[in-house]
Amino acid sequence: MIVCVCKSVSDRTIRASIAEGMDSFDELQFELGVATCCGKCEESVRDVMAQSGVCASRCGVPHAPAVVPHVVPLTFYERKAA
């Protein structure tokens, strides 16, 4: 399946590059040109990387559920004229 339409890069090409030793998104982007034009394929490329087992080596895919930051309630005080 074509992952990057702009550069005509398939999932097979990405997997072959990973098998040859490319283990980061930056390397794939530099060598194959993925996500350099419109950028719409970045998530799909990262998905293929995760499926290929290179997620632990800098692919940028979060491994744990996103942590929601703690929300601190705001309190507004009125100033009274002296």
Protein backbone atom coordinates (compact mmCIF):
# COMPACT_ATOMS: atom_id res chain seq x y z
CA MET A 1 0.00 0.00 0.00
CA ILE A 2 1.26 3.49 -0.78
CA VAL A 3 1.91 5.37 2.46
CA CYS A 4 3.38 8.59 1.04
CA VAL A 5 1.53 9.66 -2.08
CA CYS A 6 3.74 12.68 -2.72
CA LYS A 7 6.93 10.58 -2.96
CA SER A 8 5.27 7.25 -3.96
CA VAL A 9 6.66 5.36 -0.97
CA SER A 10 4.98 2.11 0.00
CA ASP A 11 4.83 0.31 3.32
CA ARG A 12 7.03 -2.40 1.77
CA THR A 13 9.72 0.16 1.00
CA ILE A 14 9.55 1.47 4.56
CA ARG A 15 9.74 -2.06 5.99
CA ALA A 16 12.70 -2.89 3.72
CA SER A 17 14.51 0.25 4.87
CA ILE A 18 13.87 -0.69 8.50
CA ALA A 19 15.22 -4.18 7.81
CA GLU A 20 18.37 -2.56 6.37
CA GLY A 21 18.94 -0.71 9.63
CA MET A 22 17.04 2.57 9.53
CA ASP A 23 15.55 2.88 12.98
CA SER A 24 14.33 6.45 13.27
CA PHE A 25 11.73 8.58 11.58
CA ASP A 26 14.36 11.17 10.72
CA GLU A 27 16.41 8.59 8.80
CA LEU A 28 13.37 7.43 6.84
CA GLN A 29 12.42 11.01 6.12
CA PHE A 30 15.91 11.83 4.86
CA GLU A 31 16.43 8.69 2.78
CA LEU A 32 12.91 8.16 1.40
CA GLY A 33 11.51 11.69 1.49
CA VAL A 34 8.40 10.69 3.46
CA ALA A 35 6.50 13.53 5.15
CA THR A 36 8.60 16.20 3.41
CA CYS A 37 5.92 17.63 1.13
CA CYS A 38 2.45 17.79 2.64
CA GLY A 39 3.21 15.84 5.84
CA LYS A 40 -0.08 13.93 5.84
CA CYS A 41 1.69 10.56 5.83
CA GLU A 42 3.73 11.08 9.01
CA GLU A 43 1.28 9.23 11.26
CA SER A 44 1.02 6.33 8.80
CA VAL A 45 4.82 6.08 8.52
CA ARG A 46 5.10 6.01 12.31
CA ASP A 47 2.39 3.31 12.41
CA VAL A 48 4.39 1.15 9.96
CA MET A 49 7.47 1.70 12.12
CA ALA A 50 5.58 0.63 15.24
CA GLN A 51 4.25 -2.47 13.45
CA SER A 52 7.81 -3.29 12.43
CA GLY A 53 9.00 -3.19 16.01
CA VAL A 54 11.23 -0.14 15.90
CA CYS A 55 9.02 1.87 18.18
CA ALA A 56 11.43 1.51 21.08
CA SER A 57 14.19 3.11 19.05
CA ARG A 58 13.21 6.74 18.65
CA CYS A 59 10.22 6.54 16.30
CA GLY A 60 8.32 9.01 18.46
CA VAL A 61 5.19 6.94 18.93
CA PRO A 62 3.96 7.25 22.49
CA HIS A 63 4.10 3.93 24.35
CA ALA A 64 1.81 4.79 27.23
CA PRO A 65 -1.54 6.50 27.18
CA ALA A 66 -1.24 10.24 27.07
CA VAL A 67 -1.04 11.78 30.51
CA VAL A 68 -3.64 14.43 31.11
CA PRO A 69 -2.11 17.33 32.98
CA HIS A 70 -3.53 18.07 36.40
CA VAL A 71 -6.02 20.92 36.19
CA VAL A 72 -5.74 23.48 38.94
CA PRO A 73 -8.91 25.47 39.57
CA LEU A 74 -8.52 29.23 39.30
CA THR A 75 -9.94 31.54 41.89
CA PHE A 76 -10.64 35.15 41.04
CA TYR A 77 -10.73 37.76 43.79
CA GLU A 78 -12.42 41.12 43.58
CA ARG A 79 -10.49 44.18 44.56
CA LYS A 80 -12.46 46.66 46.55
CA ALA A 81 -11.74 50.34 46.40
CA ALA A 82 -10.34 51.87 49.56
